[in-house]
C-alpha atoms as a PDB file:
ATOM      1  CA  MET A   1       0.000   0.000   0.000  1.00  0.00           C
ATOM      2  CA  GLU A   2       1.323   3.421  -0.961  1.00  0.00           C
ATOM      3  CA  THR A   3       0.542   6.608   0.908  1.00  0.00           C
ATOM      4  CA  ILE A   4       0.590   9.890  -0.937  1.00  0.00           C
ATOM      5  CA  ALA A   5       0.594  13.144   1.014  1.00  0.00           C
ATOM      6  CA  VAL A   6      -0.205  16.510  -0.476  1.00  0.00           C
ATOM      7  CA  TYR A   7       0.605  19.746   1.300  1.00  0.00           C
ATOM      8  CA  TRP A   8      -2.120  22.353   0.902  1.00  0.00           C
ATOM      9  CA  GLU A   9      -2.852  25.754   2.395  1.00  0.00           C
ATOM     10  CA  PRO A  10      -5.598  28.181   1.389  1.00  0.00           C
ATOM     11  CA  ARG A  11      -3.092  30.991   0.702  1.00  0.00           C
ATOM     12  CA  ILE A  12       0.333  29.846  -0.478  1.00  0.00           C
ATOM     13  CA  LYS A  13       3.102  30.818   1.933  1.00  0.00           C
ATOM     14  CA  THR A  14       6.367  32.361   0.741  1.00  0.00           C
ATOM     15  CA  TYR A  15       9.532  33.608   2.397  1.00  0.00           C
ATOM     16  CA  GLY A  16       8.903  36.993   0.742  1.00  0.00           C
ATOM     17  CA  PHE A  17       9.540  38.623  -2.617  1.00  0.00           C
ATOM     18  CA  GLN A  18      12.633  40.255  -4.066  1.00  0.00           C
ATOM     19  CA  GLU A  19      12.834  42.689  -6.954  1.00  0.00           C
ATOM     20  CA  PHE A  20      15.895  42.966  -9.163  1.00  0.00           C
ATOM     21  CA  LYS A  21      15.657  46.178 -11.176  1.00  0.00           C
ATOM     22  CA  GLY A  22      17.227  47.476 -14.375  1.00  0.00           C
ATOM     23  CA  LEU A  23      18.412  44.147 -15.750  1.00  0.00           C
ATOM     24  CA  THR A  24      18.723  42.892 -19.316  1.00  0.00           C
ATOM     25  CA  LEU A  25      16.985  39.868 -20.826  1.00  0.00           C
ATOM     26  CA  LEU A  26      19.194  38.324 -23.481  1.00  0.00           C
ATOM     27  CA  GLU A  27      18.082  35.455 -25.715  1.00  0.00           C
ATOM     28  CA  ILE A  28      20.536  33.509 -27.852  1.00  0.00           C
ATOM     29  CA  GLY A  29      19.248  30.770 -30.146  1.00  0.00           C
ATOM     30  CA  GLY A  30      21.345  28.220 -31.953  1.00  0.00           C
ATOM     31  CA  SER A  31      20.973  24.799 -33.544  1.00  0.00           C
ATOM     32  CA  HIS A  32      21.503  21.685 -31.440  1.00  0.00           C
ATOM     33  CA  ASP A  33      24.812  20.928 -33.154  1.00  0.00           C
ATOM     34  CA  ARG A  34      26.083  24.369 -32.052  1.00  0.00           C
ATOM     35  CA  LEU A  35      25.462  23.513 -28.398  1.00  0.00           C
ATOM     36  CA  PRO A  36      29.129  22.623 -27.639  1.00  0.00           C
ATOM     37  CA  LYS A  37      30.339  25.935 -29.109  1.00  0.00           C
ATOM     38  CA  ILE A  38      27.649  27.946 -27.339  1.00  0.00           C
ATOM     39  CA  ALA A  39      28.404  26.184 -24.039  1.00  0.00           C
ATOM     40  CA  ALA A  40      32.153  26.777 -24.432  1.00  0.00           C
ATOM     41  CA  ARG A  41      31.529  30.457 -25.182  1.00  0.00           C
ATOM     42  CA  LEU A  42      29.356  30.820 -22.105  1.00  0.00           C
ATOM     43  CA  ALA A  43      31.859  28.969 -19.911  1.00  0.00           C
ATOM     44  CA  ALA A  44      34.552  31.401 -21.020  1.00  0.00           C
ATOM     45  CA  LEU A  45      32.314  34.322 -20.058  1.00  0.00           C
ATOM     46  CA  SER A  46      31.101  32.901 -16.760  1.00  0.00           C
ATOM     47  CA  ASP A  47      34.349  33.542 -14.870  1.00  0.00           C
ATOM     48  CA  THR A  48      33.033  36.978 -13.960  1.00  0.00           C
ATOM     49  CA  ASN A  49      29.824  37.335 -12.013  1.00  0.00           C
ATOM     50  CA  GLY A  50      26.795  38.919 -13.573  1.00  0.00           C
ATOM     51  CA  PHE A  51      24.202  36.267 -14.356  1.00  0.00           C
ATOM     52  CA  GLU A  52      21.050  36.556 -12.230  1.00  0.00           C
ATOM     53  CA  LEU A  53      19.223  33.743 -14.028  1.00  0.00           C
ATOM     54  CA  VAL A  54      20.095  31.372 -16.881  1.00  0.00           C
ATOM     55  CA  PHE A  55      17.813  28.797 -18.495  1.00  0.00           C
ATOM     56  CA  VAL A  56      17.454  26.936 -21.790  1.00  0.00           C
ATOM     57  CA  GLN A  57      14.289  26.159 -23.728  1.00  0.00           C
ATOM     58  CA  PRO A  58      13.828  24.201 -26.953  1.00  0.00           C
ATOM     59  CA  GLY A  59      11.977  26.243 -29.556  1.00  0.00           C
ATOM     60  CA  ASP A  60       9.419  25.387 -32.202  1.00  0.00           C
ATOM     61  CA  ASP A  61      12.055  26.451 -34.736  1.00  0.00           C
ATOM     62  CA  ASN A  62      14.244  23.433 -33.789  1.00  0.00           C
ATOM     63  CA  LEU A  63      16.718  25.765 -32.068  1.00  0.00           C
ATOM     64  CA  LEU A  64      17.811  25.838 -28.455  1.00  0.00           C
ATOM     65  CA  HIS A  65      17.052  29.207 -26.877  1.00  0.00           C
ATOM     66  CA  PHE A  66      19.338  30.323 -24.048  1.00  0.00           C
ATOM     67  CA  PHE A  67      17.888  33.029 -21.822  1.00  0.00           C
ATOM     68  CA  PHE A  68      20.014  35.198 -19.558  1.00  0.00           C
ATOM     69  CA  VAL A  69      18.877  37.760 -17.064  1.00  0.00           C
ATOM     70  CA  LEU A  70      21.920  39.843 -16.234  1.00  0.00           C
ATOM     71  CA  ARG A  71      23.331  43.274 -15.618  1.00  0.00           C
ATOM     72  CA  GLU A  72      23.479  45.426 -18.751  1.00  0.00           C
ATOM     73  CA  GLU A  73      27.271  45.730 -18.788  1.00  0.00           C
ATOM     74  CA  ARG A  74      27.622  41.932 -19.036  1.00  0.00           C
ATOM     75  CA  ALA A  75      25.229  41.761 -22.000  1.00  0.00           C
ATOM     76  CA  ASP A  76      27.630  43.769 -24.155  1.00  0.00           C
ATOM     77  CA  SER A  77      30.532  41.339 -23.680  1.00  0.00           C
ATOM     78  CA  ILE A  78      28.343  38.309 -24.335  1.00  0.00           C
ATOM     79  CA  LEU A  79      26.871  39.773 -27.507  1.00  0.00           C
ATOM     80  CA  GLN A  80      30.294  40.861 -28.770  1.00  0.00           C
ATOM     81  CA  GLY A  81      31.635  37.350 -28.222  1.00  0.00           C
ATOM     82  CA  PHE A  82      28.817  35.753 -30.175  1.00  0.00           C
ATOM     83  CA  GLU A  83      28.995  38.349 -32.962  1.00  0.00           C
ATOM     84  CA  THR A  84      32.708  37.585 -33.416  1.00  0.00           C
ATOM     85  CA  GLU A  85      32.047  33.844 -33.496  1.00  0.00           C
ATOM     86  CA  GLU A  86      29.111  34.331 -35.864  1.00  0.00           C
ATOM     87  CA  LYS A  87      31.451  35.641 -38.563  1.00  0.00           C
ATOM     88  CA  GLU A  88      33.339  32.326 -38.448  1.00  0.00           C
ATOM     89  CA  SER A  89      30.352  29.930 -38.488  1.00  0.00           C
ATOM     90  CA  GLU A  90      26.591  29.745 -38.939  1.00  0.00           C
ATOM     91  CA  PRO A  91      24.593  32.648 -37.475  1.00  0.00           C
ATOM     92  CA  VAL A  92      23.111  32.640 -34.013  1.00  0.00           C
ATOM     93  CA  GLU A  93      19.810  34.368 -33.267  1.00  0.00           C
ATOM     94  CA  MET A  94      20.181  37.087 -30.642  1.00  0.00           C
ATOM     95  CA  HIS A  95      17.570  39.273 -28.995  1.00  0.00           C
ATOM     96  CA  ARG A  96      18.042  41.823 -26.223  1.00  0.00           C
ATOM     97  CA  GLU A  97      15.456  43.556 -23.986  1.00  0.00           C
ATOM     98  CA  HIS A  98      16.530  46.318 -21.633  1.00  0.00           C
ATOM     99  CA  PRO A  99      15.474  47.306 -19.088  1.00  0.00           C
ATOM    100  CA  VAL A 100      13.591  44.464 -17.439  1.00  0.00           C
ATOM    101  CA  ASP A 101      12.910  43.639 -13.811  1.00  0.00           C
ATOM    102  CA  MET A 102      13.002  40.217 -12.222  1.00  0.00           C
ATOM    103  CA  ILE A 103      10.818  39.149  -9.311  1.00  0.00           C
ATOM    104  CA  PHE A 104      12.023  36.227  -7.230  1.00  0.00           C
ATOM    105  CA  PHE A 105      10.220  34.325  -4.514  1.00  0.00           C
ATOM    106  CA  HIS A 106      10.434  30.950  -2.869  1.00  0.00           C
ATOM    107  CA  GLY A 107       8.561  29.222  -0.163  1.00  0.00           C
ATOM    108  CA  PRO A 108       8.165  26.264   2.098  1.00  0.00           C
ATOM    109  CA  HIS A 109       6.738  23.127   0.527  1.00  0.00           C
ATOM    110  CA  PHE A 110       6.821  24.508  -3.032  1.00  0.00           C
ATOM    111  CA  GLY A 111       8.148  21.134  -4.149  1.00  0.00           C
ATOM    112  CA  ASP A 112       5.365  19.289  -2.310  1.00  0.00           C
ATOM    113  CA  ARG A 113       2.451  21.369  -3.485  1.00  0.00           C
ATOM    114  CA  PHE A 114       0.722  21.727  -6.832  1.00  0.00           C
ATOM    115  CA  GLY A 115      -0.827  24.928  -8.146  1.00  0.00           C
ATOM    116  CA  ILE A 116       1.943  27.445  -7.446  1.00  0.00           C
ATOM    117  CA  ALA A 117       2.617  28.296 -11.104  1.00  0.00           C
ATOM    118  CA  ASP A 118      -1.117  28.435 -11.777  1.00  0.00           C
ATOM    119  CA  ALA A 119      -1.648  30.847  -8.880  1.00  0.00           C
ATOM    120  CA  ALA A 120       1.228  33.113  -9.984  1.00  0.00           C
ATOM    121  CA  PHE A 121       0.443  33.153 -13.701  1.00  0.00           C
ATOM    122  CA  GLY A 122      -3.301  33.338 -13.053  1.00  0.00           C
ATOM    123  CA  CYS A 123      -3.136  36.453 -10.889  1.00  0.00           C
ATOM    124  CA  LEU A 124      -0.641  38.135 -13.238  1.00  0.00           C
ATOM    125  CA  ALA A 125      -2.784  37.409 -16.311  1.00  0.00           C
ATOM    126  CA  LYS A 126      -5.901  38.695 -14.560  1.00  0.00           C
ATOM    127  CA  ALA A 127      -4.030  41.911 -13.700  1.00  0.00           C
ATOM    128  CA  GLY A 128      -2.788  42.277 -17.288  1.00  0.00           C
ATOM    129  CA  VAL A 129       0.889  41.775 -16.431  1.00  0.00           C
ATOM    130  CA  ILE A 130       2.906  40.354 -19.319  1.00  0.00           C
ATOM    131  CA  VAL A 131       5.514  37.835 -18.206  1.00  0.00           C
ATOM    132  CA  MET A 132       8.457  38.036 -20.603  1.00  0.00           C
ATOM    133  CA  ALA A 133      10.258  35.012 -19.166  1.00  0.00           C
ATOM    134  CA  ALA A 134       9.785  32.696 -16.213  1.00  0.00           C
ATOM    135  CA  ALA A 135      11.586  29.826 -14.577  1.00  0.00           C
ATOM    136  CA  CYS A 136      10.867  27.739 -11.537  1.00  0.00           C
ATOM    137  CA  SER A 137      12.439  24.932  -9.589  1.00  0.00           C
ATOM    138  CA  ALA A 138      11.289  22.877  -6.647  1.00  0.00           C
ATOM    139  CA  SER A 139      11.148  25.859  -4.300  1.00  0.00           C
ATOM    140  CA  SER A 140      12.027  28.987  -6.320  1.00  0.00           C
ATOM    141  CA  PHE A 141      10.111  31.090  -8.815  1.00  0.00           C
ATOM    142  CA  TYR A 142      11.515  33.755 -11.174  1.00  0.00           C
ATOM    143  CA  LEU A 143       9.425  36.170 -13.243  1.00  0.00           C
ATOM    144  CA  VAL A 144      10.781  38.708 -15.736  1.00  0.00           C
ATOM    145  CA  VAL A 145       8.520  41.682 -16.424  1.00  0.00           C
ATOM    146  CA  ARG A 146       8.754  45.171 -17.883  1.00  0.00           C
ATOM    147  CA  PRO A 147       9.680  47.782 -15.246  1.00  0.00           C
ATOM    148  CA  GLU A 148       6.425  49.691 -15.629  1.00  0.00           C
ATOM    149  CA  GLN A 149       4.513  46.513 -14.720  1.00  0.00           C
ATOM    150  CA  THR A 150       6.615  45.575 -11.671  1.00  0.00           C
ATOM    151  CA  PRO A 151       4.507  47.478  -9.091  1.00  0.00           C
ATOM    152  CA  LEU A 152       1.304  45.872 -10.384  1.00  0.00           C
ATOM    153  CA  ALA A 153       2.948  42.423 -10.465  1.00  0.00           C
ATOM    154  CA  MET A 154       4.204  42.831  -6.888  1.00  0.00           C
ATOM    155  CA  GLU A 155       0.776  43.965  -5.698  1.00  0.00           C
ATOM    156  CA  CYS A 156      -0.945  41.058  -7.406  1.00  0.00           C
ATOM    157  CA  LEU A 157       1.531  38.504  -6.022  1.00  0.00           C
ATOM    158  CA  ALA A 158       1.287  39.977  -2.509  1.00  0.00           C
ATOM    159  CA  GLU A 159      -2.511  39.569  -2.630  1.00  0.00           C
ATOM    160  CA  THR A 160      -2.242  35.982  -3.889  1.00  0.00           C
ATOM    161  CA  PHE A 161       0.643  34.690  -1.776  1.00  0.00           C
ATOM    162  CA  GLU A 162       1.378  35.085   1.907  1.00  0.00           C
ATOM    163  CA  ALA A 163       4.692  36.548   3.097  1.00  0.00           C
ATOM    164  CA  PRO A 164       5.992  36.648   6.692  1.00  0.00           C
ATOM    165  CA  ALA A 165       4.519  39.526   8.697  1.00  0.00           C
ATOM    166  CA  SER A 166       7.941  41.180   8.962  1.00  0.00           C
ATOM    167  CA  LEU A 167       8.051  41.378   5.133  1.00  0.00           C
ATOM    168  CA  ALA A 168       4.413  42.195   4.419  1.00  0.00           C
ATOM    169  CA  GLY A 169       4.155  45.320   2.313  1.00  0.00           C
ATOM    170  CA  HIS A 170       7.944  45.624   2.167  1.00  0.00           C
ATOM    171  CA  PRO A 171       9.297  43.420  -0.612  1.00  0.00           C
ATOM    172  CA  GLY A 172      13.067  43.183  -0.937  1.00  0.00           C
ATOM    173  CA  LYS A 173      14.721  45.285  -3.636  1.00  0.00           C
ATOM    174  CA  ARG A 174      18.078  45.048  -5.291  1.00  0.00           C
END
């Protein structure tokens, strides 16, 4: 006999929210066979800090899309590196959005509870907030939004999720 437990609370608890302001969202797309070159290029650039969030997503265009949320000054060096390499081999798709803000939150039992993404995306959609990029893991959630929508996104998330009383109404900023 197997027992399955599900953790549930009426209002999802978090450890609070953090805002990261004035960042850049950089997307680099390349074919699967370019993955070793793209990875080597990124490894060479990763010796200096600057990445706030990195994730990869396969695209409908049969390309891998690498997304970076980073400080603006780091975006220049990454783009320059890929532009130099592009002259020597097949082109890489590159797209840059600046400025963007990133909202981060995590909470207890996120890995044991369903419905967290639905609650976050549902409240943001209802409020009209456009999520430019998002990533989540077992206990952490990252949302990239346009700066003019950050206050509305924070308000919506604060109404949907519960933060500790010491953080209520005072989200972290960086």
